[in-house]
Amino acid sequence: MSTGTIMLTVDGERRTLTVDTRTTLLDALRDHLGVTSPKKGCDHGQCGACTVLLDGRRVLACLALAVAHDGAEITTATGLSSGGELHPLARSFIDHDGFQCGYCTPGQICSAAGMLDEVRAGGPSHVTDDLEGPIVLDDEEIRERMSGNLCRCGAYPNILAAIREVAR
């Protein structure tokens, strides 16, 4: 068994850990550091429950090897909040009842935060009509960009409404 010692900044806190080189970022967060916001859903990159922001970009933590991201900054849904105040997306999810069981919610919120940053940076999606002008974040655009995050309860209309409100 080969191990490596890595440093991660998780939700603003520098953490050092020694892991088997085959350990996923998700398992490093949950099992080694006790960070339970990202959830283990499918463990195959198909559901999005493990979505975190890695150096500001959304990633599926179950598909990333921890040792490949030594020195990285990881932000979970918990880390999006600041000063005891909920992140606007978390508040909007509550206001719009954008969850039922809540299992997928941390991944949905991280994915939405990353998606809004991608739109601000001008990154088009498969359904973006105008590649020259500003991106119009309509329902079709939001659905496409959030399509990697599944909700077993089917709270999609409320998730869409929550994201739409924050996007404005």
Protein backbone atom coordinates (compact mmCIF):
# COMPACT_ATOMS: atom_id res chain seq x y z
CA MET A 1 0.00 0.00 0.00
CA SER A 2 1.37 3.37 -1.02
CA THR A 3 0.50 6.46 1.02
CA GLY A 4 0.98 10.16 0.62
CA THR A 5 0.77 13.13 2.93
CA ILE A 6 -1.24 16.00 1.52
CA MET A 7 -2.46 19.40 2.63
CA LEU A 8 -5.96 20.61 1.77
CA THR A 9 -7.68 23.82 2.74
CA VAL A 10 -11.23 22.72 3.51
CA ASP A 11 -13.83 25.41 4.08
CA GLY A 12 -11.05 27.84 4.98
CA GLU A 13 -9.18 25.53 7.37
CA ARG A 14 -5.78 24.07 6.43
CA ARG A 15 -5.73 20.33 7.05
CA THR A 16 -2.90 17.81 6.64
CA LEU A 17 -3.60 14.13 6.24
CA THR A 18 -1.93 10.91 5.16
CA VAL A 19 -3.96 8.78 2.78
CA ASP A 20 -3.62 5.73 0.60
CA THR A 21 -2.86 7.03 -2.89
CA ARG A 22 -6.11 5.40 -4.11
CA THR A 23 -8.28 7.43 -1.72
CA THR A 24 -10.84 9.64 -3.39
CA LEU A 25 -11.26 13.24 -2.39
CA LEU A 26 -14.74 12.34 -1.12
CA ASP A 27 -13.40 9.60 1.16
CA ALA A 28 -10.58 11.88 2.36
CA LEU A 29 -13.13 14.55 3.29
CA ARG A 30 -15.68 12.26 4.91
CA ASP A 31 -13.61 9.43 6.42
CA HIS A 32 -10.32 11.16 7.23
CA LEU A 33 -11.39 14.72 8.01
CA GLY A 34 -14.98 14.22 9.22
CA VAL A 35 -16.42 16.66 6.69
CA THR A 36 -19.87 15.20 5.99
CA SER A 37 -21.47 17.89 3.84
CA PRO A 38 -20.59 16.16 0.53
CA LYS A 39 -22.57 12.93 0.34
CA LYS A 40 -21.67 9.55 -1.09
CA GLY A 41 -24.53 8.70 -3.42
CA CYS A 42 -23.57 6.51 -6.35
CA ASP A 43 -19.76 6.63 -5.91
CA HIS A 44 -19.51 6.55 -9.73
CA GLY A 45 -19.86 10.23 -10.68
CA GLN A 46 -23.45 9.87 -11.84
CA CYS A 47 -25.55 11.59 -9.15
CA GLY A 48 -23.72 14.76 -8.10
CA ALA A 49 -24.34 14.34 -4.35
CA CYS A 50 -20.58 14.65 -3.75
CA THR A 51 -20.15 17.93 -5.66
CA VAL A 52 -17.69 20.35 -4.05
CA LEU A 53 -15.82 23.38 -5.32
CA LEU A 54 -12.17 22.53 -5.96
CA ASP A 55 -10.13 25.69 -6.38
CA GLY A 56 -13.39 27.43 -7.27
CA ARG A 57 -14.61 24.93 -9.86
CA ARG A 58 -17.26 22.31 -9.28
CA VAL A 59 -16.07 18.72 -9.26
CA LEU A 60 -17.42 15.31 -8.34
CA ALA A 61 -15.34 14.44 -5.29
CA CYS A 62 -15.94 10.69 -5.75
CA LEU A 63 -14.01 10.79 -9.05
CA ALA A 64 -11.02 12.84 -7.86
CA LEU A 65 -8.02 11.26 -6.17
CA ALA A 66 -7.07 13.19 -3.04
CA VAL A 67 -3.31 13.00 -3.69
CA ALA A 68 -3.81 14.67 -7.08
CA HIS A 69 -5.05 17.78 -5.32
CA ASP A 70 -2.36 18.41 -2.71
CA GLY A 71 -2.51 22.10 -1.79
CA ALA A 72 -6.01 22.58 -3.19
CA GLU A 73 -8.77 24.68 -1.71
CA ILE A 74 -11.98 22.72 -1.19
CA THR A 75 -15.28 24.45 -0.48
CA THR A 76 -18.29 22.43 0.60
CA ALA A 77 -21.86 23.69 1.00
CA THR A 78 -21.02 24.35 4.64
CA GLY A 79 -18.04 26.49 3.63
CA LEU A 80 -20.16 28.66 1.34
CA SER A 81 -21.79 30.22 4.40
CA SER A 82 -19.93 32.97 6.19
CA GLY A 83 -20.22 34.69 9.53
CA GLY A 84 -23.07 32.46 10.62
CA GLU A 85 -25.18 33.58 7.65
CA LEU A 86 -26.45 31.11 5.08
CA HIS A 87 -25.20 31.47 1.53
CA PRO A 88 -27.89 33.09 -0.67
CA LEU A 89 -28.37 29.75 -2.49
CA ALA A 90 -28.91 27.88 0.79
CA ARG A 91 -31.39 30.53 1.92
CA SER A 92 -33.19 30.34 -1.42
CA PHE A 93 -33.37 26.52 -1.25
CA ILE A 94 -35.10 26.90 2.12
CA ASP A 95 -37.41 29.68 0.90
CA HIS A 96 -38.44 27.69 -2.19
CA ASP A 97 -38.53 24.28 -0.47
CA GLY A 98 -35.83 23.12 -2.87
CA PHE A 99 -35.31 19.85 -1.02
CA GLN A 100 -37.30 17.04 0.47
CA CYS A 101 -35.02 14.47 2.06
CA GLY A 102 -32.05 16.87 1.77
CA TYR A 103 -29.50 14.23 0.78
CA CYS A 104 -28.61 15.84 -2.54
CA THR A 105 -28.90 19.43 -1.27
CA PRO A 106 -25.22 20.13 -0.40
CA GLY A 107 -24.14 18.91 -3.84
CA GLN A 108 -26.94 20.85 -5.52
CA ILE A 109 -25.92 24.05 -3.72
CA CYS A 110 -22.22 23.64 -4.54
CA SER A 111 -23.05 22.85 -8.14
CA ALA A 112 -25.34 25.88 -8.40
CA ALA A 113 -22.67 28.17 -6.91
CA GLY A 114 -20.10 26.84 -9.37
CA MET A 115 -22.56 27.11 -12.24
CA LEU A 116 -23.32 30.76 -11.46
CA ASP A 117 -19.57 31.51 -11.45
CA GLU A 118 -19.23 29.74 -14.83
CA VAL A 119 -22.03 31.89 -16.26
CA ARG A 120 -20.45 35.10 -14.89
CA ALA A 121 -17.19 34.06 -16.58
CA GLY A 122 -19.05 33.61 -19.89
CA GLY A 123 -18.71 29.81 -20.18
CA PRO A 124 -21.38 28.50 -22.57
CA SER A 125 -23.31 25.26 -22.17
CA HIS A 126 -24.75 22.88 -24.74
CA VAL A 127 -27.97 24.93 -24.93
CA THR A 128 -26.47 28.44 -24.94
CA ASP A 129 -27.97 30.19 -27.98
CA ASP A 130 -25.74 33.22 -28.34
CA LEU A 131 -22.05 32.45 -28.03
CA GLU A 132 -21.11 36.08 -28.64
CA GLY A 133 -23.31 37.93 -26.14
CA PRO A 134 -24.11 37.61 -22.46
CA ILE A 135 -25.54 34.28 -21.32
CA VAL A 136 -29.24 34.36 -20.58
CA LEU A 137 -29.79 32.14 -17.57
CA ASP A 138 -33.29 30.93 -18.41
CA ASP A 139 -34.86 27.71 -17.14
CA GLU A 140 -33.48 25.64 -20.02
CA GLU A 141 -29.96 26.93 -19.37
CA ILE A 142 -30.21 26.23 -15.63
CA ARG A 143 -31.57 22.71 -16.23
CA GLU A 144 -28.75 21.90 -18.65
CA ARG A 145 -26.05 23.20 -16.35
CA MET A 146 -27.48 21.37 -13.31
CA SER A 147 -28.20 18.12 -15.17
CA GLY A 148 -25.37 16.28 -13.39
CA ASN A 149 -27.06 16.70 -10.02
CA LEU A 150 -29.89 14.28 -9.41
CA CYS A 151 -32.65 14.54 -6.82
CA ARG A 152 -34.26 11.24 -5.86
CA CYS A 153 -37.27 13.08 -4.43
CA GLY A 154 -37.95 15.02 -7.62
CA ALA A 155 -37.76 18.52 -6.11
CA TYR A 156 -36.53 19.91 -9.44
CA PRO A 157 -39.20 22.65 -9.88
CA ASN A 158 -38.32 24.09 -6.48
CA ILE A 159 -34.56 23.72 -7.04
CA LEU A 160 -34.97 25.55 -10.34
CA ALA A 161 -36.96 28.34 -8.65
CA ALA A 162 -34.31 28.68 -5.92
CA ILE A 163 -31.46 28.98 -8.41
CA ARG A 164 -33.46 31.31 -10.68
CA GLU A 165 -34.07 33.69 -7.76
CA VAL A 166 -30.37 33.89 -6.82
CA ALA A 167 -29.31 34.21 -10.46
CA ARG A 168 -31.34 37.41 -10.73
